[in-house]
Protein backbone atom coordinates (compact mmCIF):
# COMPACT_ATOMS: atom_id res chain seq x y z
CA MET A 1 -69.34 -56.15 -82.98
CA LYS A 2 -65.94 -55.79 -84.65
CA MET A 3 -63.94 -52.63 -84.25
CA ASP A 4 -62.36 -50.96 -87.23
CA PRO A 5 -58.55 -51.42 -87.12
CA ALA A 6 -57.96 -47.70 -87.62
CA THR A 7 -60.21 -46.88 -84.66
CA LYS A 8 -58.49 -49.52 -82.51
CA GLN A 9 -55.07 -48.09 -83.39
CA GLN A 10 -56.21 -44.54 -82.61
CA ILE A 11 -57.60 -45.58 -79.21
CA LEU A 12 -54.32 -47.36 -78.37
CA LYS A 13 -52.24 -44.37 -79.48
CA ASN A 14 -54.35 -41.97 -77.40
CA ALA A 15 -54.19 -44.25 -74.34
CA LEU A 16 -50.40 -44.49 -74.52
CA LEU A 17 -50.08 -40.74 -74.97
CA SER A 18 -52.34 -40.15 -71.96
CA LEU A 19 -50.20 -42.47 -69.81
CA LEU A 20 -47.04 -40.65 -70.89
CA ILE A 21 -48.53 -37.24 -70.06
CA TYR A 22 -49.74 -38.56 -66.70
CA ALA A 23 -46.36 -40.09 -65.76
CA LEU A 24 -44.11 -37.36 -67.15
CA PRO A 25 -43.98 -35.11 -64.04
CA VAL A 26 -43.04 -38.04 -61.80
CA LEU A 27 -40.38 -39.24 -64.23
CA LEU A 28 -38.93 -35.74 -64.47
CA MET A 29 -38.86 -35.45 -60.67
CA PHE A 30 -36.92 -38.71 -60.31
CA ALA A 31 -34.55 -37.71 -63.13
CA THR A 32 -33.88 -34.41 -61.35
CA PHE A 33 -33.12 -36.23 -58.09
CA TYR A 34 -30.80 -38.62 -59.91
CA PHE A 35 -28.80 -35.99 -61.81
CA THR A 36 -28.58 -33.44 -58.98
CA GLY A 37 -28.00 -35.98 -56.21
CA GLN A 38 -30.75 -34.45 -54.07
CA LYS A 39 -32.49 -36.67 -51.54
CA PRO A 40 -35.25 -34.54 -50.00
CA TRP A 41 -36.70 -37.52 -48.14
CA LEU A 42 -33.59 -37.52 -45.92
CA ASN A 43 -34.06 -33.90 -44.77
CA LYS A 44 -35.73 -33.43 -41.42
CA THR A 45 -38.05 -30.45 -41.65
CA LYS A 46 -39.72 -28.54 -38.89
CA PRO A 47 -43.53 -28.72 -38.73
CA SER A 48 -45.32 -25.82 -40.31
CA THR A 49 -46.22 -22.98 -37.96
CA VAL A 50 -48.67 -21.29 -40.31
CA GLY A 51 -51.80 -20.39 -38.39
CA TYR A 52 -50.29 -21.10 -34.95
CA LYS A 53 -49.11 -18.67 -32.32
CA ILE A 54 -45.39 -18.97 -31.62
CA ARG A 55 -44.53 -18.74 -27.94
CA ASN A 56 -41.30 -17.01 -27.00
């Protein structure tokens, strides 16, 4: 069964738009790291103490 060219073009356009929307937050995060010079993966953080008793 042949697909109508207009339908094929619409499916392709929608697929590319969906990929852009899916990838946009990750791309923006990397752009922010690049322009601000932040490297959060180099910071050593303490483990979370939420829900644990802290001994003094």
